Every structure is written in structure tokens, then in C-alpha cells.
Amino acid sequence: MPIIKIPTVFNIDLEFERADLGRRAVAYFIDLLARVAFLLLGIYLISKMGLYYKTREMLMFAIVVVPVSLYYLFFEILMKGQSPGKKAMNIKVVSLMGNTPSISQILLRWMFRLVESPLLSLAFISATLSQESAFVAIIWLAVGILPIIIVVRSDYNQRLGDIAAGTILVVNKQRHSIHDTIFREIDREDYVPQFPQILRLSDRDLSKIKAVLDNAGRTRDTVMAVRIADKIKSVLHIETDMDALAFLETLLNDYNYLVTRK
């Protein structure tokens, strides 16, 4: 299985197994079956209600068409980068940082899916067979196979929506986790770094801070954390009343915020 290596700012290359086209196709087919089954069930149940035409059409749109359209958006948010089809094929969407994609990333992928649907590509390719003009047929064919070409030619086998959102589709088994790095996910838009001096430390220093925090979390022994915190305060000329663990955790958060927003 081809391996994708993604360099990060945290002194480690994340390694993923690439989700090949076969897995992706089967996952898409499973999700397609689920959507079609829901659509047919909804049509059947609503048709049995004996409603007026306009009422039936409005109800059909509200509780059948809209949910089917939002299928991927709903499940990839709920299942943290997976849909039922992806879960069945053991693949998932991750960000280029190696973590679960944000809601905005999933939303962007979904928006591009409206023009990148395999069914739409198939429709364009099929349309070439009914065209009398060779020029028009070539245009339809090019539009139909363009999404496939983008996936095959991109560095990480990304479709256009993935490229725009900064995500990739991988096998759900990492060789290295983002948690092996000093990564901290800062979700707060109003986050304000307290110690910008942290950028003067090296990745090796920061990895040591993380190791000390991890050890303190496991053993409840804070002696080493206190020593490291005092040393950092002295070197970086920081004055704070924070306890050692809170101080070290804040340093990692500040570093992540400052580095990822450069």
C-alpha cells in the first residue's frame, strides 16, 4: 500500500496509507446505496399519506431531498471525517495536519462535491456517446474525466474539494499520530498567546516539555515539571504565578497558535 508522508512544523513526518481508488469507489457505492434507499423509502411513505400535490412536494423536499443532499456533510461531521461507506472500507478524511478536519473543512469539501460527483462525471462521459459533434463530445468527455485526472495527478490523491479544504483521504490507521508531536488543536478564534517568547525555543525543547507533561499526567509526579518550568521562566525571562503544569501547557498552546497562524 503506497505511503503518504506529510511534513509538519512539529519535527516529525506523519505517515498514512493512501486510500486507493478501489476503496474510495466501494465506499462511494455503499453511501450511494444508503442515499438511494432513504430516497425510495421516503417517496414511498409520503406517497401513501394521501396529501395534496403541493403539500406532498414540499414534504418530499424537506424530509427527503434535503437530508439526502446533506448526507456527507452530516455524517462526516458526526463521525469525524467518515461516512457509513468510508467506515465500512476503513478510510477517513483527515486534515493535512493529521487531525480530524474542522467543520469548515468538511463544509468546503461538501460544497465542491456538488460539482465533483462521480454520477455527474458519468453523466458527462455518457453524454459524449449521443453527441453528433466530435468537438462537443470531446468537451463533455474532458469535463467528465477531469475530476479523476485531478485525483490521480495530485500529490496525495486529493480531489479538488480536498485540495481546497486542505484534507486527504487515508486508510484509518496511522503509522505516526499527530499526538506523537507537540500538536495542540486551538479551536478558539479569540485565543491570545500569553508567552510569545516560546518561539525562541527549539522543537527539541518543546518535545521535552510535552514529554514532561505526559509523564506528569501518567505518574502524578510534578517534580520534573516544576524544574522545567522554573528553568524556562529563567531563560525566557517570564514572570507568572501559574503552577508548573498549567504554565507548560500554556506554552505548548501558545507555540501551536503562533506557528500554525504564520
Foldseek 3Di string as FASTA:
>chain_A
DDWDWFDDPQPGTWIFAADDPVLVVQLVVVLVVVLVVQLVVLLVVLVVPPDDPVVSVVVSCPPRVVCSLCQQLVQCVVVQFDHVSCVVSQKGKPASLQHRADSVLSVLLSVVCVQLPLVQLVVLQVVLVVDPDVVSSVVSNCSSCVQVCCQVPDPRSDGPSCVVSRMHMGRNDIPDHSLLGLDDDDPDPPDDQPQPLLVVDDSVLLNVLSVLLVVCVVPVDCPVLQVSQVVVCVVSVDDDPDDSNVVSNSSSVNVNVVVVVD
